[in-house]
Amino acid sequence: MRARSAPLIAIAAGIAAVGLAFISSAGEQDTPTNEVPKRLSSAVFAGGCFWCVESDFDKVDGVIDTVSGYTGGRIANPTYKQVSHEDTGHYEAVKITYDPDVVSYDYLVTYFLHNVDPTDADGQFCDKGESYRTAIFVANPTERAIAEADIAAVEASGVLPAPVVTQVIGAETFWPAEGYHQDYYKKNALKYRYYRASCGRDARIKSLWGDSAATH
């Protein structure tokens, strides 16, 4: 019995191996092996306190990530102390990663303009100084054309009491801010809300833009 059953066992094992190989091969064919990563884009805006700009853009559908940082200045790896107290030329800014299939760059620019005071050349709300000025940092001619057209449209509308002074500037190196600045409005919600209210940000935006201002 043992001599005759050994070949049968070997044959059965071979059939099982072939079957498993077929199943495995079929599974590999059904699973995509070269998936194309989702195409994402980025945009950089300076709108005064970067905690507030980060909070504002996190509410927009299609925005994947926001990072507070510094850009536009003369020194590498700037610190918050340097940017806020020294003559570095840097702006407080936010780098936004977004899905262009969900939200357009044009919409982001318009949203940005409606959530700042683009008529203030000295800063934003209670924060004054060069690091708090508004700017749109553009990465290519298409972004520049969109930003300049949106500013021109605001000017033509006559909705604002003074000319728009927000600059359109060629993108430079973006330096992420210190960790404690990232998601500050989430980590320190009470302090953030107090700061935002006492600085008069939302009240000023509402007075400038009326119903077109975003709700925070």
Protein backbone atom coordinates (compact mmCIF):
# COMPACT_ATOMS: atom_id res chain seq x y z
CA MET A 1 0.00 0.00 0.00
CA ARG A 2 2.77 2.47 0.87
CA ALA A 3 4.64 1.83 -2.37
CA ARG A 4 1.53 2.39 -4.48
CA SER A 5 0.22 5.50 -2.56
CA ALA A 6 3.46 7.54 -2.74
CA PRO A 7 3.11 8.38 -6.46
CA LEU A 8 -0.53 9.29 -5.95
CA ILE A 9 0.43 11.65 -3.16
CA ALA A 10 3.11 13.24 -5.33
CA ILE A 11 0.65 13.72 -8.20
CA ALA A 12 -1.93 15.28 -5.88
CA ALA A 13 0.69 17.64 -4.45
CA GLY A 14 1.72 18.68 -7.94
CA ILE A 15 -1.87 19.43 -8.96
CA ALA A 16 -2.38 21.51 -5.80
CA ALA A 17 0.81 23.49 -6.47
CA VAL A 18 -0.29 24.26 -10.03
CA GLY A 19 -3.68 25.39 -8.74
CA LEU A 20 -2.14 27.69 -6.16
CA ALA A 21 0.22 29.13 -8.74
CA PHE A 22 -2.71 29.85 -11.05
CA ILE A 23 -4.66 31.57 -8.29
CA SER A 24 -1.61 33.59 -7.28
CA SER A 25 -0.90 34.59 -10.87
CA ALA A 26 -4.52 35.59 -11.45
CA GLY A 27 -4.44 37.77 -8.37
CA GLU A 28 -1.30 39.53 -9.55
CA GLN A 29 -2.90 40.29 -12.90
CA ASP A 30 -5.97 41.78 -11.22
CA THR A 31 -3.93 44.09 -8.94
CA PRO A 32 -2.59 47.28 -10.56
CA THR A 33 1.20 47.37 -10.27
CA ASN A 34 1.88 50.84 -11.71
CA GLU A 35 -0.66 53.14 -10.08
CA VAL A 36 -0.04 56.80 -10.94
CA PRO A 37 0.25 58.94 -7.78
CA LYS A 38 -2.40 61.61 -7.30
CA ARG A 39 -1.29 64.88 -8.87
CA LEU A 40 -1.15 67.58 -6.20
CA SER A 41 -0.17 71.24 -6.45
CA SER A 42 1.04 73.86 -3.99
CA ALA A 43 0.49 77.56 -3.40
CA VAL A 44 2.06 80.06 -1.01
CA PHE A 45 0.25 83.02 0.54
CA ALA A 46 1.29 85.61 3.12
CA GLY A 47 -1.67 87.07 5.01
CA GLY A 48 -0.44 88.30 8.35
CA CYS A 49 -0.48 85.84 11.25
CA PHE A 50 0.20 82.44 9.71
CA TRP A 51 -1.85 80.69 12.41
CA CYS A 52 -4.92 82.41 11.00
CA VAL A 53 -4.11 81.81 7.34
CA GLU A 54 -3.51 78.13 8.10
CA SER A 55 -6.84 77.90 9.93
CA ASP A 56 -8.68 79.61 7.07
CA PHE A 57 -7.34 77.36 4.32
CA ASP A 58 -7.85 74.16 6.29
CA LYS A 59 -11.58 74.79 5.81
CA VAL A 60 -11.38 74.66 2.00
CA ASP A 61 -12.44 71.46 0.22
CA GLY A 62 -9.53 70.15 -1.80
CA VAL A 63 -6.83 71.52 0.49
CA ILE A 64 -4.74 68.55 1.62
CA ASP A 65 -2.18 70.19 3.89
CA THR A 66 -1.09 73.58 5.25
CA VAL A 67 2.31 74.49 6.67
CA SER A 68 3.22 77.75 8.39
CA GLY A 69 6.60 79.19 7.48
CA TYR A 70 8.71 82.03 6.18
CA THR A 71 9.61 83.17 2.67
CA GLY A 72 10.72 86.14 0.61
CA GLY A 73 13.62 87.15 2.83
CA ARG A 74 17.39 87.35 2.80
CA ILE A 75 18.55 84.67 5.27
CA ALA A 76 18.40 80.89 5.26
CA ASN A 77 16.67 78.85 7.95
CA PRO A 78 15.12 81.87 9.68
CA THR A 79 13.63 81.60 13.15
CA TYR A 80 10.43 83.19 14.38
CA LYS A 81 12.45 85.54 16.58
CA GLN A 82 14.53 86.70 13.62
CA VAL A 83 11.55 87.20 11.33
CA SER A 84 9.44 89.04 13.89
CA HIS A 85 12.17 91.17 15.50
CA GLU A 86 14.95 91.60 12.94
CA ASP A 87 15.26 92.95 9.41
CA THR A 88 15.18 89.68 7.48
CA GLY A 89 12.74 90.63 4.73
CA HIS A 90 10.78 87.43 5.31
CA TYR A 91 7.00 87.21 5.35
CA GLU A 92 4.98 84.95 7.61
CA ALA A 93 3.42 82.68 5.01
CA VAL A 94 1.57 79.42 4.54
CA LYS A 95 2.32 76.73 1.98
CA ILE A 96 -0.85 75.01 0.84
CA THR A 97 -0.93 71.60 -0.79
CA TYR A 98 -4.14 71.05 -2.74
CA ASP A 99 -5.87 68.78 -5.20
CA PRO A 100 -6.41 70.75 -8.44
CA ASP A 101 -9.15 68.31 -9.45
CA VAL A 102 -11.17 69.56 -6.47
CA VAL A 103 -10.19 73.21 -6.07
CA SER A 104 -8.56 75.58 -8.56
CA TYR A 105 -5.67 77.96 -8.00
CA ASP A 106 -8.00 80.77 -9.10
CA TYR A 107 -10.40 79.91 -6.28
CA LEU A 108 -7.58 79.81 -3.73
CA VAL A 109 -6.39 83.27 -4.75
CA THR A 110 -9.90 84.71 -4.55
CA TYR A 111 -10.47 83.03 -1.20
CA PHE A 112 -7.19 84.42 0.11
CA LEU A 113 -8.01 87.99 -0.95
CA HIS A 114 -11.40 87.78 0.76
CA ASN A 115 -9.82 86.63 4.02
CA VAL A 116 -7.27 89.40 4.46
CA ASP A 117 -7.21 93.19 4.32
CA PRO A 118 -5.46 93.67 0.96
CA THR A 119 -5.55 97.46 1.41
CA ASP A 120 -3.16 97.51 4.40
CA ALA A 121 0.47 98.17 3.39
CA ASP A 122 1.78 98.07 6.96
CA GLY A 123 0.67 94.61 8.07
CA GLN A 124 -2.58 92.92 9.00
CA PHE A 125 -5.09 93.97 11.65
CA CYS A 126 -3.30 94.35 15.02
CA ASP A 127 -0.01 92.96 13.63
CA LYS A 128 2.17 95.57 11.96
CA GLY A 129 5.57 95.20 10.34
CA GLU A 130 7.06 93.85 7.13
CA SER A 131 6.64 90.19 8.14
CA TYR A 132 2.87 90.66 8.37
CA ARG A 133 2.33 92.20 4.92
CA THR A 134 0.18 90.39 2.35
CA ALA A 135 1.62 88.73 -0.73
CA ILE A 136 0.90 86.00 -3.24
CA PHE A 137 4.00 83.99 -4.15
CA VAL A 138 3.67 82.62 -7.68
CA ALA A 139 5.62 79.70 -9.11
CA ASN A 140 5.06 80.29 -12.83
CA PRO A 141 3.59 82.73 -15.39
CA THR A 142 0.17 81.05 -15.24
CA GLU A 143 -0.12 81.61 -11.48
CA ARG A 144 1.06 85.21 -11.90
CA ALA A 145 -1.55 85.89 -14.57
CA ILE A 146 -4.32 84.45 -12.39
CA ALA A 147 -3.23 86.38 -9.29
CA GLU A 148 -2.91 89.67 -11.14
CA ALA A 149 -6.27 89.15 -12.88
CA ASP A 150 -8.02 88.43 -9.57
CA ILE A 151 -6.53 91.55 -7.99
CA ALA A 152 -7.59 93.59 -11.02
CA ALA A 153 -11.12 92.19 -10.70
CA VAL A 154 -11.27 93.25 -7.04
CA GLU A 155 -10.07 96.72 -7.96
CA ALA A 156 -12.63 96.98 -10.76
CA SER A 157 -15.47 95.91 -8.47
CA GLY A 158 -15.03 98.97 -6.27
CA VAL A 159 -15.97 96.95 -3.20
CA LEU A 160 -12.92 98.04 -1.21
CA PRO A 161 -12.43 101.55 0.21
CA ALA A 162 -8.79 101.78 -0.90
CA PRO A 163 -6.46 100.31 -3.54
CA VAL A 164 -5.18 96.75 -3.21
CA VAL A 165 -1.53 96.72 -2.06
CA THR A 166 -1.07 92.94 -1.93
CA GLN A 167 2.07 92.09 -3.88
CA VAL A 168 2.46 89.31 -6.46
CA ILE A 169 6.00 87.98 -6.01
CA GLY A 170 8.00 85.22 -7.64
CA ALA A 171 8.18 82.18 -5.37
CA GLU A 172 11.34 81.74 -3.32
CA THR A 173 12.53 79.14 -0.84
CA PHE A 174 9.85 78.35 1.73
CA TRP A 175 11.19 77.66 5.22
CA PRO A 176 8.78 75.78 7.53
CA ALA A 177 8.27 77.46 10.89
CA GLU A 178 9.03 75.87 14.23
CA GLY A 179 6.90 72.92 15.24
CA TYR A 180 4.92 74.77 17.88
CA HIS A 181 3.53 77.08 15.19
CA GLN A 182 2.09 74.23 13.11
CA ASP A 183 -1.65 73.69 13.74
CA TYR A 184 -1.46 76.24 16.54
CA TYR A 185 -5.17 76.93 16.23
CA LYS A 186 -5.84 73.27 17.07
CA LYS A 187 -3.21 72.77 19.75
CA ASN A 188 -4.02 76.01 21.59
CA ALA A 189 -7.65 76.59 20.64
CA LEU A 190 -8.59 78.97 23.49
CA LYS A 191 -5.49 81.16 23.09
CA TYR A 192 -5.95 81.20 19.34
CA ARG A 193 -9.59 82.25 19.48
CA TYR A 194 -8.77 84.99 21.99
CA TYR A 195 -5.93 86.26 19.82
CA ARG A 196 -8.00 86.23 16.65
CA ALA A 197 -10.92 88.09 18.25
CA SER A 198 -8.79 90.64 20.10
CA CYS A 199 -6.76 91.34 16.97
CA GLY A 200 -9.98 92.27 15.16
CA ARG A 201 -9.30 90.06 12.15
CA ASP A 202 -12.82 88.79 11.50
CA ALA A 203 -14.49 92.11 12.30
CA ARG A 204 -12.27 93.94 9.81
CA ILE A 205 -12.76 91.31 7.10
CA LYS A 206 -16.52 91.50 7.59
CA SER A 207 -16.49 95.28 7.33
CA LEU A 208 -14.43 95.14 4.13
CA TRP A 209 -16.03 92.24 2.30
CA GLY A 210 -19.50 91.92 3.82
CA ASP A 211 -21.29 88.71 2.95
CA SER A 212 -18.50 87.59 0.61
CA ALA A 213 -16.15 87.13 3.58
CA ALA A 214 -15.72 83.53 4.71
CA THR A 215 -17.23 82.42 7.99
CA HIS A 216 -14.74 81.22 10.59
